[in-house]
mmCIF file of all heavy atoms, coordinates in Angstrom:
data_MODEL
# 
_entry.id   MODEL 
# 
loop_
_atom_site.group_PDB 
_atom_site.id 
_atom_site.type_symbol 
_atom_site.label_atom_id 
_atom_site.label_alt_id 
_atom_site.label_comp_id 
_atom_site.label_asym_id 
_atom_site.label_entity_id 
_atom_site.label_seq_id 
_atom_site.pdbx_PDB_ins_code 
_atom_site.Cartn_x 
_atom_site.Cartn_y 
_atom_site.Cartn_z 
_atom_site.occupancy 
_atom_site.B_iso_or_equiv 
_atom_site.pdbx_formal_charge 
_atom_site.auth_seq_id 
_atom_site.auth_comp_id 
_atom_site.auth_asym_id 
_atom_site.auth_atom_id 
_atom_site.pdbx_PDB_model_num 
ATOM 1   N N   . GLN A 1 1  ? 8.080   11.098  9.929  1.00 0.00 ? 1  GLN A N   1 
ATOM 2   C CA  . GLN A 1 1  ? 8.265   11.322  8.498  1.00 0.00 ? 1  GLN A CA  1 
ATOM 3   C C   . GLN A 1 1  ? 8.528   10.010  7.764  1.00 0.00 ? 1  GLN A C   1 
ATOM 4   O O   . GLN A 1 1  ? 7.965   9.772   6.690  1.00 0.00 ? 1  GLN A O   1 
ATOM 5   C CB  . GLN A 1 1  ? 9.409   12.301  8.255  1.00 0.00 ? 1  GLN A CB  1 
ATOM 6   C CG  . GLN A 1 1  ? 9.068   13.728  8.643  1.00 0.00 ? 1  GLN A CG  1 
ATOM 7   C CD  . GLN A 1 1  ? 10.242  14.668  8.479  1.00 0.00 ? 1  GLN A CD  1 
ATOM 8   O OE1 . GLN A 1 1  ? 11.398  14.234  8.327  1.00 0.00 ? 1  GLN A OE1 1 
ATOM 9   N NE2 . GLN A 1 1  ? 9.979   15.959  8.521  1.00 0.00 ? 1  GLN A NE2 1 
ATOM 10  N N   . ALA A 1 2  ? 9.368   9.163   8.331  1.00 0.00 ? 2  ALA A N   1 
ATOM 11  C CA  . ALA A 1 2  ? 9.662   7.878   7.696  1.00 0.00 ? 2  ALA A CA  1 
ATOM 12  C C   . ALA A 1 2  ? 8.410   7.001   7.631  1.00 0.00 ? 2  ALA A C   1 
ATOM 13  O O   . ALA A 1 2  ? 8.144   6.353   6.610  1.00 0.00 ? 2  ALA A O   1 
ATOM 14  C CB  . ALA A 1 2  ? 10.778  7.160   8.451  1.00 0.00 ? 2  ALA A CB  1 
ATOM 15  N N   . LEU A 1 3  ? 7.641   6.986   8.699  1.00 0.00 ? 3  LEU A N   1 
ATOM 16  C CA  . LEU A 1 3  ? 6.404   6.205   8.711  1.00 0.00 ? 3  LEU A CA  1 
ATOM 17  C C   . LEU A 1 3  ? 5.405   6.738   7.688  1.00 0.00 ? 3  LEU A C   1 
ATOM 18  O O   . LEU A 1 3  ? 4.736   5.954   6.999  1.00 0.00 ? 3  LEU A O   1 
ATOM 19  C CB  . LEU A 1 3  ? 5.781   6.215   10.114 1.00 0.00 ? 3  LEU A CB  1 
ATOM 20  C CG  . LEU A 1 3  ? 6.504   5.386   11.164 1.00 0.00 ? 3  LEU A CG  1 
ATOM 21  C CD1 . LEU A 1 3  ? 6.008   5.748   12.561 1.00 0.00 ? 3  LEU A CD1 1 
ATOM 22  C CD2 . LEU A 1 3  ? 6.329   3.892   10.891 1.00 0.00 ? 3  LEU A CD2 1 
ATOM 23  N N   . GLU A 1 4  ? 5.308   8.046   7.581  1.00 0.00 ? 4  GLU A N   1 
ATOM 24  C CA  . GLU A 1 4  ? 4.382   8.638   6.606  1.00 0.00 ? 4  GLU A CA  1 
ATOM 25  C C   . GLU A 1 4  ? 4.798   8.290   5.179  1.00 0.00 ? 4  GLU A C   1 
ATOM 26  O O   . GLU A 1 4  ? 3.947   8.011   4.333  1.00 0.00 ? 4  GLU A O   1 
ATOM 27  C CB  . GLU A 1 4  ? 4.306   10.159  6.790  1.00 0.00 ? 4  GLU A CB  1 
ATOM 28  C CG  . GLU A 1 4  ? 3.542   10.544  8.045  1.00 0.00 ? 4  GLU A CG  1 
ATOM 29  C CD  . GLU A 1 4  ? 3.604   12.028  8.359  1.00 0.00 ? 4  GLU A CD  1 
ATOM 30  O OE1 . GLU A 1 4  ? 4.538   12.718  7.874  1.00 0.00 ? 4  GLU A OE1 1 
ATOM 31  O OE2 . GLU A 1 4  ? 2.713   12.496  9.092  1.00 0.00 ? 4  GLU A OE2 1 
ATOM 32  N N   . ARG A 1 5  ? 6.114   8.300   4.913  1.00 0.00 ? 5  ARG A N   1 
ATOM 33  C CA  . ARG A 1 5  ? 6.592   7.913   3.571  1.00 0.00 ? 5  ARG A CA  1 
ATOM 34  C C   . ARG A 1 5  ? 6.260   6.451   3.285  1.00 0.00 ? 5  ARG A C   1 
ATOM 35  O O   . ARG A 1 5  ? 5.811   6.106   2.184  1.00 0.00 ? 5  ARG A O   1 
ATOM 36  C CB  . ARG A 1 5  ? 8.091   8.158   3.449  1.00 0.00 ? 5  ARG A CB  1 
ATOM 37  C CG  . ARG A 1 5  ? 8.475   9.613   3.267  1.00 0.00 ? 5  ARG A CG  1 
ATOM 38  C CD  . ARG A 1 5  ? 9.948   9.772   2.881  1.00 0.00 ? 5  ARG A CD  1 
ATOM 39  N NE  . ARG A 1 5  ? 10.863  9.204   3.859  1.00 0.00 ? 5  ARG A NE  1 
ATOM 40  C CZ  . ARG A 1 5  ? 11.344  9.860   4.915  1.00 0.00 ? 5  ARG A CZ  1 
ATOM 41  N NH1 . ARG A 1 5  ? 11.010  11.109  5.124  1.00 0.00 ? 5  ARG A NH1 1 
ATOM 42  N NH2 . ARG A 1 5  ? 12.175  9.258   5.755  1.00 0.00 ? 5  ARG A NH2 1 
ATOM 43  N N   . GLU A 1 6  ? 6.499   5.592   4.274  1.00 0.00 ? 6  GLU A N   1 
ATOM 44  C CA  . GLU A 1 6  ? 6.196   4.162   4.091  1.00 0.00 ? 6  GLU A CA  1 
ATOM 45  C C   . GLU A 1 6  ? 4.704   3.953   3.869  1.00 0.00 ? 6  GLU A C   1 
ATOM 46  O O   . GLU A 1 6  ? 4.281   3.175   3.009  1.00 0.00 ? 6  GLU A O   1 
ATOM 47  C CB  . GLU A 1 6  ? 6.678   3.369   5.315  1.00 0.00 ? 6  GLU A CB  1 
ATOM 48  C CG  . GLU A 1 6  ? 6.328   1.896   5.289  1.00 0.00 ? 6  GLU A CG  1 
ATOM 49  C CD  . GLU A 1 6  ? 7.006   1.105   4.178  1.00 0.00 ? 6  GLU A CD  1 
ATOM 50  O OE1 . GLU A 1 6  ? 7.871   1.642   3.456  1.00 0.00 ? 6  GLU A OE1 1 
ATOM 51  O OE2 . GLU A 1 6  ? 6.657   -0.071  4.018  1.00 0.00 ? 6  GLU A OE2 1 
ATOM 52  N N   . GLN A 1 7  ? 3.910   4.652   4.622  1.00 0.00 ? 7  GLN A N   1 
ATOM 53  C CA  . GLN A 1 7  ? 2.460   4.532   4.482  1.00 0.00 ? 7  GLN A CA  1 
ATOM 54  C C   . GLN A 1 7  ? 2.015   4.993   3.092  1.00 0.00 ? 7  GLN A C   1 
ATOM 55  O O   . GLN A 1 7  ? 1.203   4.329   2.441  1.00 0.00 ? 7  GLN A O   1 
ATOM 56  C CB  . GLN A 1 7  ? 1.775   5.353   5.570  1.00 0.00 ? 7  GLN A CB  1 
ATOM 57  C CG  . GLN A 1 7  ? 0.284   5.109   5.657  1.00 0.00 ? 7  GLN A CG  1 
ATOM 58  C CD  . GLN A 1 7  ? -0.321  5.867   6.815  1.00 0.00 ? 7  GLN A CD  1 
ATOM 59  O OE1 . GLN A 1 7  ? -0.038  7.046   7.004  1.00 0.00 ? 7  GLN A OE1 1 
ATOM 60  N NE2 . GLN A 1 7  ? -1.154  5.196   7.589  1.00 0.00 ? 7  GLN A NE2 1 
ATOM 61  N N   . GLU A 1 8  ? 2.553   6.105   2.636  1.00 0.00 ? 8  GLU A N   1 
ATOM 62  C CA  . GLU A 1 8  ? 2.202   6.612   1.306  1.00 0.00 ? 8  GLU A CA  1 
ATOM 63  C C   . GLU A 1 8  ? 2.608   5.622   0.219  1.00 0.00 ? 8  GLU A C   1 
ATOM 64  O O   . GLU A 1 8  ? 1.861   5.375   -0.723 1.00 0.00 ? 8  GLU A O   1 
ATOM 65  C CB  . GLU A 1 8  ? 2.876   7.959   1.071  1.00 0.00 ? 8  GLU A CB  1 
ATOM 66  C CG  . GLU A 1 8  ? 2.508   8.591   -0.255 1.00 0.00 ? 8  GLU A CG  1 
ATOM 67  C CD  . GLU A 1 8  ? 3.137   9.961   -0.457 1.00 0.00 ? 8  GLU A CD  1 
ATOM 68  O OE1 . GLU A 1 8  ? 3.814   10.455  0.452  1.00 0.00 ? 8  GLU A OE1 1 
ATOM 69  O OE2 . GLU A 1 8  ? 2.949   10.518  -1.543 1.00 0.00 ? 8  GLU A OE2 1 
ATOM 70  N N   . ARG A 1 9  ? 3.787   5.028   0.375  1.00 0.00 ? 9  ARG A N   1 
ATOM 71  C CA  . ARG A 1 9  ? 4.256   4.032   -0.596 1.00 0.00 ? 9  ARG A CA  1 
ATOM 72  C C   . ARG A 1 9  ? 3.300   2.841   -0.657 1.00 0.00 ? 9  ARG A C   1 
ATOM 73  O O   . ARG A 1 9  ? 2.918   2.381   -1.735 1.00 0.00 ? 9  ARG A O   1 
ATOM 74  C CB  . ARG A 1 9  ? 5.665   3.562   -0.212 1.00 0.00 ? 9  ARG A CB  1 
ATOM 75  C CG  . ARG A 1 9  ? 6.291   2.600   -1.216 1.00 0.00 ? 9  ARG A CG  1 
ATOM 76  C CD  . ARG A 1 9  ? 7.584   2.012   -0.681 1.00 0.00 ? 9  ARG A CD  1 
ATOM 77  N NE  . ARG A 1 9  ? 7.384   1.072   0.403  1.00 0.00 ? 9  ARG A NE  1 
ATOM 78  C CZ  . ARG A 1 9  ? 6.942   -0.183  0.268  1.00 0.00 ? 9  ARG A CZ  1 
ATOM 79  N NH1 . ARG A 1 9  ? 6.650   -0.653  -0.933 1.00 0.00 ? 9  ARG A NH1 1 
ATOM 80  N NH2 . ARG A 1 9  ? 6.805   -0.985  1.307  1.00 0.00 ? 9  ARG A NH2 1 
ATOM 81  N N   . LEU A 1 10 ? 2.884   2.376   0.522  1.00 0.00 ? 10 LEU A N   1 
ATOM 82  C CA  . LEU A 1 10 ? 1.967   1.237   0.562  1.00 0.00 ? 10 LEU A CA  1 
ATOM 83  C C   . LEU A 1 10 ? 0.610   1.582   -0.036 1.00 0.00 ? 10 LEU A C   1 
ATOM 84  O O   . LEU A 1 10 ? 0.030   0.786   -0.787 1.00 0.00 ? 10 LEU A O   1 
ATOM 85  C CB  . LEU A 1 10 ? 1.801   0.744   2.008  1.00 0.00 ? 10 LEU A CB  1 
ATOM 86  C CG  . LEU A 1 10 ? 3.006   0.035   2.609  1.00 0.00 ? 10 LEU A CG  1 
ATOM 87  C CD1 . LEU A 1 10 ? 2.802   -0.169  4.105  1.00 0.00 ? 10 LEU A CD1 1 
ATOM 88  C CD2 . LEU A 1 10 ? 3.271   -1.276  1.907  1.00 0.00 ? 10 LEU A CD2 1 
ATOM 89  N N   . VAL A 1 11 ? 0.099   2.749   0.282  1.00 0.00 ? 11 VAL A N   1 
ATOM 90  C CA  . VAL A 1 11 ? -1.202  3.163   -0.258 1.00 0.00 ? 11 VAL A CA  1 
ATOM 91  C C   . VAL A 1 11 ? -1.124  3.252   -1.785 1.00 0.00 ? 11 VAL A C   1 
ATOM 92  O O   . VAL A 1 11 ? -2.028  2.777   -2.486 1.00 0.00 ? 11 VAL A O   1 
ATOM 93  C CB  . VAL A 1 11 ? -1.655  4.507   0.362  1.00 0.00 ? 11 VAL A CB  1 
ATOM 94  C CG1 . VAL A 1 11 ? -2.827  5.099   -0.408 1.00 0.00 ? 11 VAL A CG1 1 
ATOM 95  C CG2 . VAL A 1 11 ? -2.019  4.310   1.828  1.00 0.00 ? 11 VAL A CG2 1 
ATOM 96  N N   . ASN A 1 12 ? -0.059  3.844   -2.297 1.00 0.00 ? 12 ASN A N   1 
ATOM 97  C CA  . ASN A 1 12 ? 0.097   3.928   -3.756 1.00 0.00 ? 12 ASN A CA  1 
ATOM 98  C C   . ASN A 1 12 ? 0.153   2.541   -4.387 1.00 0.00 ? 12 ASN A C   1 
ATOM 99  O O   . ASN A 1 12 ? -0.447  2.315   -5.440 1.00 0.00 ? 12 ASN A O   1 
ATOM 100 C CB  . ASN A 1 12 ? 1.349   4.730   -4.113 1.00 0.00 ? 12 ASN A CB  1 
ATOM 101 C CG  . ASN A 1 12 ? 1.190   6.208   -3.841 1.00 0.00 ? 12 ASN A CG  1 
ATOM 102 O OD1 . ASN A 1 12 ? 0.076   6.729   -3.787 1.00 0.00 ? 12 ASN A OD1 1 
ATOM 103 N ND2 . ASN A 1 12 ? 2.303   6.891   -3.651 1.00 0.00 ? 12 ASN A ND2 1 
ATOM 104 N N   . LEU A 1 13 ? 0.834   1.629   -3.750 1.00 0.00 ? 13 LEU A N   1 
ATOM 105 C CA  . LEU A 1 13 ? 0.934   0.260   -4.250 1.00 0.00 ? 13 LEU A CA  1 
ATOM 106 C C   . LEU A 1 13 ? -0.437  -0.420  -4.229 1.00 0.00 ? 13 LEU A C   1 
ATOM 107 O O   . LEU A 1 13 ? -0.833  -1.081  -5.194 1.00 0.00 ? 13 LEU A O   1 
ATOM 108 C CB  . LEU A 1 13 ? 1.944   -0.530  -3.424 1.00 0.00 ? 13 LEU A CB  1 
ATOM 109 C CG  . LEU A 1 13 ? 2.332   -1.908  -3.921 1.00 0.00 ? 13 LEU A CG  1 
ATOM 110 C CD1 . LEU A 1 13 ? 2.846   -1.851  -5.353 1.00 0.00 ? 13 LEU A CD1 1 
ATOM 111 C CD2 . LEU A 1 13 ? 3.382   -2.508  -3.013 1.00 0.00 ? 13 LEU A CD2 1 
ATOM 112 N N   . ILE A 1 14 ? -1.168  -0.234  -3.139 1.00 0.00 ? 14 ILE A N   1 
ATOM 113 C CA  . ILE A 1 14 ? -2.518  -0.818  -3.031 1.00 0.00 ? 14 ILE A CA  1 
ATOM 114 C C   . ILE A 1 14 ? -3.400  -0.284  -4.147 1.00 0.00 ? 14 ILE A C   1 
ATOM 115 O O   . ILE A 1 14 ? -4.121  -1.045  -4.805 1.00 0.00 ? 14 ILE A O   1 
ATOM 116 C CB  . ILE A 1 14 ? -3.122  -0.516  -1.639 1.00 0.00 ? 14 ILE A CB  1 
ATOM 117 C CG1 . ILE A 1 14 ? -2.379  -1.293  -0.558 1.00 0.00 ? 14 ILE A CG1 1 
ATOM 118 C CG2 . ILE A 1 14 ? -4.616  -0.830  -1.614 1.00 0.00 ? 14 ILE A CG2 1 
ATOM 119 C CD1 . ILE A 1 14 ? -2.674  -0.820  0.864  1.00 0.00 ? 14 ILE A CD1 1 
ATOM 120 N N   . VAL A 1 15 ? -3.348  1.016   -4.369 1.00 0.00 ? 15 VAL A N   1 
ATOM 121 C CA  . VAL A 1 15 ? -4.177  1.645   -5.403 1.00 0.00 ? 15 VAL A CA  1 
ATOM 122 C C   . VAL A 1 15 ? -3.768  1.146   -6.787 1.00 0.00 ? 15 VAL A C   1 
ATOM 123 O O   . VAL A 1 15 ? -4.620  0.824   -7.621 1.00 0.00 ? 15 VAL A O   1 
ATOM 124 C CB  . VAL A 1 15 ? -4.088  3.189   -5.319 1.00 0.00 ? 15 VAL A CB  1 
ATOM 125 C CG1 . VAL A 1 15 ? -4.723  3.847   -6.534 1.00 0.00 ? 15 VAL A CG1 1 
ATOM 126 C CG2 . VAL A 1 15 ? -4.739  3.683   -4.037 1.00 0.00 ? 15 VAL A CG2 1 
ATOM 127 N N   . GLN A 1 16 ? -2.477  1.068   -7.039 1.00 0.00 ? 16 GLN A N   1 
ATOM 128 C CA  . GLN A 1 16 ? -1.999  0.605   -8.345 1.00 0.00 ? 16 GLN A CA  1 
ATOM 129 C C   . GLN A 1 16 ? -2.436  -0.821  -8.629 1.00 0.00 ? 16 GLN A C   1 
ATOM 130 O O   . GLN A 1 16 ? -2.871  -1.138  -9.736 1.00 0.00 ? 16 GLN A O   1 
ATOM 131 C CB  . GLN A 1 16 ? -0.471  0.678   -8.419 1.00 0.00 ? 16 GLN A CB  1 
ATOM 132 C CG  . GLN A 1 16 ? 0.060   2.067   -8.602 1.00 0.00 ? 16 GLN A CG  1 
ATOM 133 C CD  . GLN A 1 16 ? 1.584   2.082   -8.585 1.00 0.00 ? 16 GLN A CD  1 
ATOM 134 O OE1 . GLN A 1 16 ? 2.238   1.129   -8.145 1.00 0.00 ? 16 GLN A OE1 1 
ATOM 135 N NE2 . GLN A 1 16 ? 2.150   3.186   -9.039 1.00 0.00 ? 16 GLN A NE2 1 
ATOM 136 N N   . LEU A 1 17 ? -2.320  -1.680  -7.640 1.00 0.00 ? 17 LEU A N   1 
ATOM 137 C CA  . LEU A 1 17 ? -2.665  -3.086  -7.844 1.00 0.00 ? 17 LEU A CA  1 
ATOM 138 C C   . LEU A 1 17 ? -4.174  -3.274  -7.886 1.00 0.00 ? 17 LEU A C   1 
ATOM 139 O O   . LEU A 1 17 ? -4.685  -4.066  -8.666 1.00 0.00 ? 17 LEU A O   1 
ATOM 140 C CB  . LEU A 1 17 ? -2.023  -3.956  -6.768 1.00 0.00 ? 17 LEU A CB  1 
ATOM 141 C CG  . LEU A 1 17 ? -0.500  -3.980  -6.783 1.00 0.00 ? 17 LEU A CG  1 
ATOM 142 C CD1 . LEU A 1 17 ? 0.040   -4.750  -5.592 1.00 0.00 ? 17 LEU A CD1 1 
ATOM 143 C CD2 . LEU A 1 17 ? 0.019   -4.550  -8.091 1.00 0.00 ? 17 LEU A CD2 1 
ATOM 144 N N   . GLY A 1 18 ? -4.855  -2.566  -7.011 1.00 0.00 ? 18 GLY A N   1 
ATOM 145 C CA  . GLY A 1 18 ? -6.311  -2.538  -7.030 1.00 0.00 ? 18 GLY A CA  1 
ATOM 146 C C   . GLY A 1 18 ? -7.006  -3.877  -6.860 1.00 0.00 ? 18 GLY A C   1 
ATOM 147 O O   . GLY A 1 18 ? -8.187  -3.997  -7.190 1.00 0.00 ? 18 GLY A O   1 
ATOM 148 N N   . ASP A 1 19 ? -6.338  -4.874  -6.367 1.00 0.00 ? 19 ASP A N   1 
ATOM 149 C CA  . ASP A 1 19 ? -7.004  -6.162  -6.190 1.00 0.00 ? 19 ASP A CA  1 
ATOM 150 C C   . ASP A 1 19 ? -7.240  -6.428  -4.710 1.00 0.00 ? 19 ASP A C   1 
ATOM 151 O O   . ASP A 1 19 ? -6.874  -5.647  -3.855 1.00 0.00 ? 19 ASP A O   1 
ATOM 152 C CB  . ASP A 1 19 ? -6.189  -7.288  -6.832 1.00 0.00 ? 19 ASP A CB  1 
ATOM 153 C CG  . ASP A 1 19 ? -4.810  -7.454  -6.191 1.00 0.00 ? 19 ASP A CG  1 
ATOM 154 O OD1 . ASP A 1 19 ? -4.563  -6.864  -5.127 1.00 0.00 ? 19 ASP A OD1 1 
ATOM 155 O OD2 . ASP A 1 19 ? -3.985  -8.174  -6.774 1.00 0.00 ? 19 ASP A OD2 1 
ATOM 156 N N   . ASP A 1 20 ? -7.885  -7.542  -4.443 1.00 0.00 ? 20 ASP A N   1 
ATOM 157 C CA  . ASP A 1 20 ? -8.166  -7.908  -3.055 1.00 0.00 ? 20 ASP A CA  1 
ATOM 158 C C   . ASP A 1 20 ? -7.341  -9.134  -2.667 1.00 0.00 ? 20 ASP A C   1 
ATOM 159 O O   . ASP A 1 20 ? -7.830  -10.039 -2.003 1.00 0.00 ? 20 ASP A O   1 
ATOM 160 C CB  . ASP A 1 20 ? -9.677  -8.168  -2.882 1.00 0.00 ? 20 ASP A CB  1 
ATOM 161 C CG  . ASP A 1 20 ? -10.055 -8.252  -1.414 1.00 0.00 ? 20 ASP A CG  1 
ATOM 162 O OD1 . ASP A 1 20 ? -9.457  -7.522  -0.599 1.00 0.00 ? 20 ASP A OD1 1 
ATOM 163 O OD2 . ASP A 1 20 ? -10.925 -9.075  -1.078 1.00 0.00 ? 20 ASP A OD2 1 
ATOM 164 N N   . SER A 1 21 ? -6.112  -9.122  -3.094 1.00 0.00 ? 21 SER A N   1 
ATOM 165 C CA  . SER A 1 21 ? -5.234  -10.251 -2.804 1.00 0.00 ? 21 SER A CA  1 
ATOM 166 C C   . SER A 1 21 ? -4.841  -10.248 -1.331 1.00 0.00 ? 21 SER A C   1 
ATOM 167 O O   . SER A 1 21 ? -4.986  -9.246  -0.620 1.00 0.00 ? 21 SER A O   1 
ATOM 168 C CB  . SER A 1 21 ? -3.976  -10.175 -3.669 1.00 0.00 ? 21 SER A CB  1 
ATOM 169 O OG  . SER A 1 21 ? -3.205  -9.042  -3.290 1.00 0.00 ? 21 SER A OG  1 
ATOM 170 N N   . GLN A 1 22 ? -4.327  -11.363 -0.890 1.00 0.00 ? 22 GLN A N   1 
ATOM 171 C CA  . GLN A 1 22 ? -3.828  -11.474 0.485  1.00 0.00 ? 22 GLN A CA  1 
ATOM 172 C C   . GLN A 1 22 ? -2.727  -10.444 0.736  1.00 0.00 ? 22 GLN A C   1 
ATOM 173 O O   . GLN A 1 22 ? -2.682  -9.818  1.794  1.00 0.00 ? 22 GLN A O   1 
ATOM 174 C CB  . GLN A 1 22 ? -3.318  -12.898 0.759  1.00 0.00 ? 22 GLN A CB  1 
ATOM 175 C CG  . GLN A 1 22 ? -2.763  -13.088 2.152  1.00 0.00 ? 22 GLN A CG  1 
ATOM 176 C CD  . GLN A 1 22 ? -3.804  -12.895 3.247  1.00 0.00 ? 22 GLN A CD  1 
ATOM 177 O OE1 . GLN A 1 22 ? -4.978  -13.194 3.060  1.00 0.00 ? 22 GLN A OE1 1 
ATOM 178 N NE2 . GLN A 1 22 ? -3.373  -12.383 4.384  1.00 0.00 ? 22 GLN A NE2 1 
ATOM 179 N N   . ALA A 1 23 ? -1.865  -10.264 -0.246 1.00 0.00 ? 23 ALA A N   1 
ATOM 180 C CA  . ALA A 1 23 ? -0.769  -9.297  -0.102 1.00 0.00 ? 23 ALA A CA  1 
ATOM 181 C C   . ALA A 1 23 ? -1.318  -7.884  0.106  1.00 0.00 ? 23 ALA A C   1 
ATOM 182 O O   . ALA A 1 23 ? -0.817  -7.134  0.945  1.00 0.00 ? 23 ALA A O   1 
ATOM 183 C CB  . ALA A 1 23 ? 0.142   -9.340  -1.319 1.00 0.00 ? 23 ALA A CB  1 
ATOM 184 N N   . ASN A 1 24 ? -2.357  -7.522  -0.639 1.00 0.00 ? 24 ASN A N   1 
ATOM 185 C CA  . ASN A 1 24 ? -2.940  -6.190  -0.473 1.00 0.00 ? 24 ASN A CA  1 
ATOM 186 C C   . ASN A 1 24 ? -3.669  -6.063  0.858  1.00 0.00 ? 24 ASN A C   1 
ATOM 187 O O   . ASN A 1 24 ? -3.647  -4.994  1.476  1.00 0.00 ? 24 ASN A O   1 
ATOM 188 C CB  . ASN A 1 24 ? -3.878  -5.848  -1.633 1.00 0.00 ? 24 ASN A CB  1 
ATOM 189 C CG  . ASN A 1 24 ? -3.228  -4.908  -2.626 1.00 0.00 ? 24 ASN A CG  1 
ATOM 190 O OD1 . ASN A 1 24 ? -2.093  -4.469  -2.430 1.00 0.00 ? 24 ASN A OD1 1 
ATOM 191 N ND2 . ASN A 1 24 ? -3.935  -4.585  -3.692 1.00 0.00 ? 24 ASN A ND2 1 
ATOM 192 N N   . ARG A 1 25 ? -4.293  -7.121  1.310  1.00 0.00 ? 25 ARG A N   1 
ATOM 193 C CA  . ARG A 1 25 ? -4.941  -7.076  2.627  1.00 0.00 ? 25 ARG A CA  1 
ATOM 194 C C   . ARG A 1 25 ? -3.889  -6.861  3.712  1.00 0.00 ? 25 ARG A C   1 
ATOM 195 O O   . ARG A 1 25 ? -4.099  -6.092  4.656  1.00 0.00 ? 25 ARG A O   1 
ATOM 196 C CB  . ARG A 1 25 ? -5.752  -8.349  2.878  1.00 0.00 ? 25 ARG A CB  1 
ATOM 197 C CG  . ARG A 1 25 ? -7.065  -8.380  2.082  1.00 0.00 ? 25 ARG A CG  1 
ATOM 198 C CD  . ARG A 1 25 ? -7.994  -9.487  2.546  1.00 0.00 ? 25 ARG A CD  1 
ATOM 199 N NE  . ARG A 1 25 ? -7.468  -10.827 2.289  1.00 0.00 ? 25 ARG A NE  1 
ATOM 200 C CZ  . ARG A 1 25 ? -7.576  -11.496 1.132  1.00 0.00 ? 25 ARG A CZ  1 
ATOM 201 N NH1 . ARG A 1 25 ? -8.179  -10.933 0.099  1.00 0.00 ? 25 ARG A NH1 1 
ATOM 202 N NH2 . ARG A 1 25 ? -7.084  -12.709 1.019  1.00 0.00 ? 25 ARG A NH2 1 
ATOM 203 N N   . GLU A 1 26 ? -2.752  -7.520  3.549  1.00 0.00 ? 26 GLU A N   1 
ATOM 204 C CA  . GLU A 1 26 ? -1.660  -7.332  4.502  1.00 0.00 ? 26 GLU A CA  1 
ATOM 205 C C   . GLU A 1 26 ? -1.106  -5.911  4.436  1.00 0.00 ? 26 GLU A C   1 
ATOM 206 O O   . GLU A 1 26 ? -0.770  -5.321  5.463  1.00 0.00 ? 26 GLU A O   1 
ATOM 207 C CB  . GLU A 1 26 ? -0.556  -8.355  4.239  1.00 0.00 ? 26 GLU A CB  1 
ATOM 208 C CG  . GLU A 1 26 ? -0.971  -9.766  4.632  1.00 0.00 ? 26 GLU A CG  1 
ATOM 209 C CD  . GLU A 1 26 ? 0.025   -10.826 4.199  1.00 0.00 ? 26 GLU A CD  1 
ATOM 210 O OE1 . GLU A 1 26 ? 1.119   -10.475 3.685  1.00 0.00 ? 26 GLU A OE1 1 
ATOM 211 O OE2 . GLU A 1 26 ? -0.283  -12.019 4.374  1.00 0.00 ? 26 GLU A OE2 1 
# 
């Protein structure tokens, strides 16, 4: 459950930022 929450948070952040920065690749 904790991993799924973290994954969802990261995916939402990636989508919000929408760029191809190094941070998003990471």
